[in-house]
């Protein structure tokens, strides 16, 4: 696994796209939060008021934040199916073939003792 941390930071004029989650707690209460910043959340009586207060909280928080892009690349071995290293380990094992055959040559009782 390789991690590249960019020294590039987002300029203040660049836009940041976020997703707002609105949840109606009951008839008189709306909870609003950002999917990307779950710690920034607000509860208000109306949806409009919740969105306004949420934006105010976000701008206050962004004044103290620095956003740094991080790129993580997985090595070739980590991206594939990790169980594939076990594929075919029993292909030449006669005992395994005997246990997996549809009509075993042994009686059921003997096979049950052998394969369990």
C-alpha atoms as a PDB file:
ATOM      1  CA  UNK A   1       0.000   0.000   0.000  1.00  0.00           C
ATOM      2  CA  UNK A   2       1.339   3.407  -0.961  1.00  0.00           C
ATOM      3  CA  UNK A   3       0.115   6.693   0.450  1.00  0.00           C
ATOM      4  CA  UNK A   4       0.799   9.949  -1.346  1.00  0.00           C
ATOM      5  CA  UNK A   5       0.051  13.102   0.598  1.00  0.00           C
ATOM      6  CA  UNK A   6      -0.148  16.117  -1.634  1.00  0.00           C
ATOM      7  CA  UNK A   7       1.425  19.397  -0.579  1.00  0.00           C
ATOM      8  CA  UNK A   8      -1.284  21.128  -2.606  1.00  0.00           C
ATOM      9  CA  UNK A   9      -4.031  22.712  -0.522  1.00  0.00           C
ATOM     10  CA  UNK A  10      -7.379  23.901  -1.790  1.00  0.00           C
ATOM     11  CA  UNK A  11      -7.498  27.649  -2.437  1.00  0.00           C
ATOM     12  CA  UNK A  12     -10.175  29.616  -0.581  1.00  0.00           C
ATOM     13  CA  UNK A  13     -12.004  30.392  -3.828  1.00  0.00           C
ATOM     14  CA  UNK A  14     -12.456  26.738  -4.802  1.00  0.00           C
ATOM     15  CA  UNK A  15     -15.898  25.248  -4.206  1.00  0.00           C
ATOM     16  CA  UNK A  16     -16.433  22.320  -1.896  1.00  0.00           C
ATOM     17  CA  UNK A  17     -19.346  20.006  -2.698  1.00  0.00           C
ATOM     18  CA  UNK A  18     -21.006  18.520   0.383  1.00  0.00           C
ATOM     19  CA  UNK A  19     -24.105  16.430   1.015  1.00  0.00           C
ATOM     20  CA  UNK A  20     -26.656  17.524   3.616  1.00  0.00           C
ATOM     21  CA  UNK A  21     -28.629  14.913   5.529  1.00  0.00           C
ATOM     22  CA  UNK A  22     -32.041  16.068   6.781  1.00  0.00           C
ATOM     23  CA  UNK A  23     -33.825  13.956   9.364  1.00  0.00           C
ATOM     24  CA  UNK A  24     -37.216  14.819  10.783  1.00  0.00           C
ATOM     25  CA  UNK A  25     -37.031  13.860  14.444  1.00  0.00           C
ATOM     26  CA  UNK A  26     -40.713  14.673  15.061  1.00  0.00           C
ATOM     27  CA  UNK A  27     -43.301  17.201  13.862  1.00  0.00           C
ATOM     28  CA  UNK A  28     -41.525  20.156  15.492  1.00  0.00           C
ATOM     29  CA  UNK A  29     -37.853  19.226  15.035  1.00  0.00           C
ATOM     30  CA  UNK A  30     -35.531  18.794  12.027  1.00  0.00           C
ATOM     31  CA  UNK A  31     -31.968  17.533  12.383  1.00  0.00           C
ATOM     32  CA  UNK A  32     -29.487  18.605   9.691  1.00  0.00           C
ATOM     33  CA  UNK A  33     -25.890  17.452   9.252  1.00  0.00           C
ATOM     34  CA  UNK A  34     -23.247  17.069   6.579  1.00  0.00           C
ATOM     35  CA  UNK A  35     -22.514  13.552   5.398  1.00  0.00           C
ATOM     36  CA  UNK A  36     -18.826  14.474   5.087  1.00  0.00           C
ATOM     37  CA  UNK A  37     -18.663  16.206   8.515  1.00  0.00           C
ATOM     38  CA  UNK A  38     -20.946  14.201  10.847  1.00  0.00           C
ATOM     39  CA  UNK A  39     -19.837  16.220  13.881  1.00  0.00           C
ATOM     40  CA  UNK A  40     -21.387  19.373  12.390  1.00  0.00           C
ATOM     41  CA  UNK A  41     -25.093  19.036  13.070  1.00  0.00           C
ATOM     42  CA  UNK A  42     -27.974  21.187  14.169  1.00  0.00           C
ATOM     43  CA  UNK A  43     -31.560  20.694  15.310  1.00  0.00           C
ATOM     44  CA  UNK A  44     -34.145  23.382  14.541  1.00  0.00           C
ATOM     45  CA  UNK A  45     -37.935  23.686  14.307  1.00  0.00           C
ATOM     46  CA  UNK A  46     -37.987  24.209  10.512  1.00  0.00           C
ATOM     47  CA  UNK A  47     -35.991  22.846   7.602  1.00  0.00           C
ATOM     48  CA  UNK A  48     -35.080  26.353   6.416  1.00  0.00           C
ATOM     49  CA  UNK A  49     -33.788  27.390   9.836  1.00  0.00           C
ATOM     50  CA  UNK A  50     -31.831  24.133  10.188  1.00  0.00           C
ATOM     51  CA  UNK A  51     -30.117  24.693   6.818  1.00  0.00           C
ATOM     52  CA  UNK A  52     -29.229  28.302   7.638  1.00  0.00           C
ATOM     53  CA  UNK A  53     -27.762  27.407  11.036  1.00  0.00           C
ATOM     54  CA  UNK A  54     -25.922  24.422   9.558  1.00  0.00           C
ATOM     55  CA  UNK A  55     -24.262  26.662   6.952  1.00  0.00           C
ATOM     56  CA  UNK A  56     -23.211  29.116   9.668  1.00  0.00           C
ATOM     57  CA  UNK A  57     -21.636  26.289  11.662  1.00  0.00           C
ATOM     58  CA  UNK A  58     -19.829  25.022   8.573  1.00  0.00           C
ATOM     59  CA  UNK A  59     -18.336  28.408   7.690  1.00  0.00           C
ATOM     60  CA  UNK A  60     -17.177  28.883  11.284  1.00  0.00           C
ATOM     61  CA  UNK A  61     -15.547  25.450  11.226  1.00  0.00           C
ATOM     62  CA  UNK A  62     -13.929  25.887   7.780  1.00  0.00           C
ATOM     63  CA  UNK A  63     -12.106  29.014   8.953  1.00  0.00           C
ATOM     64  CA  UNK A  64      -9.873  26.770  11.090  1.00  0.00           C
ATOM     65  CA  UNK A  65      -9.565  23.797   8.728  1.00  0.00           C
ATOM     66  CA  UNK A  66      -6.981  22.930   6.121  1.00  0.00           C
ATOM     67  CA  UNK A  67      -8.014  20.287   3.604  1.00  0.00           C
ATOM     68  CA  UNK A  68      -5.180  18.154   2.222  1.00  0.00           C
ATOM     69  CA  UNK A  69      -5.850  15.669  -0.606  1.00  0.00           C
ATOM     70  CA  UNK A  70      -4.605  12.133   0.126  1.00  0.00           C
ATOM     71  CA  UNK A  71      -4.278   9.405  -2.488  1.00  0.00           C
ATOM     72  CA  UNK A  72      -3.951   5.779  -1.355  1.00  0.00           C
ATOM     73  CA  UNK A  73      -2.892   3.113  -3.872  1.00  0.00           C
ATOM     74  CA  UNK A  74      -3.224  -0.532  -2.986  1.00  0.00           C
ATOM     75  CA  UNK A  75      -0.551  -2.934  -4.162  1.00  0.00           C
ATOM     76  CA  UNK A  76      -1.514  -5.559  -6.745  1.00  0.00           C
ATOM     77  CA  UNK A  77      -1.740  -8.321  -4.126  1.00  0.00           C
ATOM     78  CA  UNK A  78      -4.148  -6.369  -1.933  1.00  0.00           C
ATOM     79  CA  UNK A  79      -6.594  -5.528  -4.710  1.00  0.00           C
ATOM     80  CA  UNK A  80      -7.353  -9.133  -5.753  1.00  0.00           C
ATOM     81  CA  UNK A  81      -9.346 -11.763  -3.932  1.00  0.00           C
ATOM     82  CA  UNK A  82      -7.208 -12.835  -0.977  1.00  0.00           C
ATOM     83  CA  UNK A  83      -8.806 -16.295  -0.937  1.00  0.00           C
ATOM     84  CA  UNK A  84      -7.398 -17.103  -4.388  1.00  0.00           C
ATOM     85  CA  UNK A  85      -4.085 -18.168  -2.825  1.00  0.00           C
ATOM     86  CA  UNK A  86      -5.937 -21.254  -1.510  1.00  0.00           C
ATOM     87  CA  UNK A  87      -7.520 -22.175  -4.842  1.00  0.00           C
ATOM     88  CA  UNK A  88      -6.532 -25.651  -6.007  1.00  0.00           C
ATOM     89  CA  UNK A  89      -4.687 -26.758  -2.862  1.00  0.00           C
ATOM     90  CA  UNK A  90      -6.647 -30.040  -2.805  1.00  0.00           C
ATOM     91  CA  UNK A  91      -6.704 -30.691  -6.550  1.00  0.00           C
ATOM     92  CA  UNK A  92      -4.291 -33.677  -6.345  1.00  0.00           C
ATOM     93  CA  UNK A  93      -5.386 -34.946  -2.913  1.00  0.00           C
ATOM     94  CA  UNK A  94      -7.093 -38.379  -3.338  1.00  0.00           C
ATOM     95  CA  UNK A  95      -8.705 -38.191   0.123  1.00  0.00           C
ATOM     96  CA  UNK A  96     -10.378 -34.882  -0.706  1.00  0.00           C
ATOM     97  CA  UNK A  97     -11.540 -36.261  -4.058  1.00  0.00           C
ATOM     98  CA  UNK A  98     -13.064 -39.257  -2.257  1.00  0.00           C
ATOM     99  CA  UNK A  99     -14.971 -37.002   0.178  1.00  0.00           C
ATOM    100  CA  UNK A 100     -16.296 -34.770  -2.627  1.00  0.00           C
ATOM    101  CA  UNK A 101     -17.353 -37.498  -5.054  1.00  0.00           C
ATOM    102  CA  UNK A 102     -21.143 -37.736  -5.607  1.00  0.00           C
ATOM    103  CA  UNK A 103     -21.260 -41.539  -5.178  1.00  0.00           C
ATOM    104  CA  UNK A 104     -18.435 -42.585  -2.875  1.00  0.00           C
ATOM    105  CA  UNK A 105     -17.164 -46.155  -3.141  1.00  0.00           C
ATOM    106  CA  UNK A 106     -17.371 -46.627   0.655  1.00  0.00           C
ATOM    107  CA  UNK A 107     -20.488 -47.164   2.730  1.00  0.00           C
ATOM    108  CA  UNK A 108     -22.031 -44.025   4.265  1.00  0.00           C
ATOM    109  CA  UNK A 109     -20.914 -44.896   7.803  1.00  0.00           C
ATOM    110  CA  UNK A 110     -17.315 -45.490   6.775  1.00  0.00           C
ATOM    111  CA  UNK A 111     -17.272 -42.311   4.689  1.00  0.00           C
ATOM    112  CA  UNK A 112     -18.734 -40.279   7.547  1.00  0.00           C
ATOM    113  CA  UNK A 113     -15.899 -41.454   9.840  1.00  0.00           C
ATOM    114  CA  UNK A 114     -13.304 -40.854   7.136  1.00  0.00           C
ATOM    115  CA  UNK A 115     -14.415 -37.360   6.076  1.00  0.00           C
ATOM    116  CA  UNK A 116     -15.358 -35.851   9.427  1.00  0.00           C
END
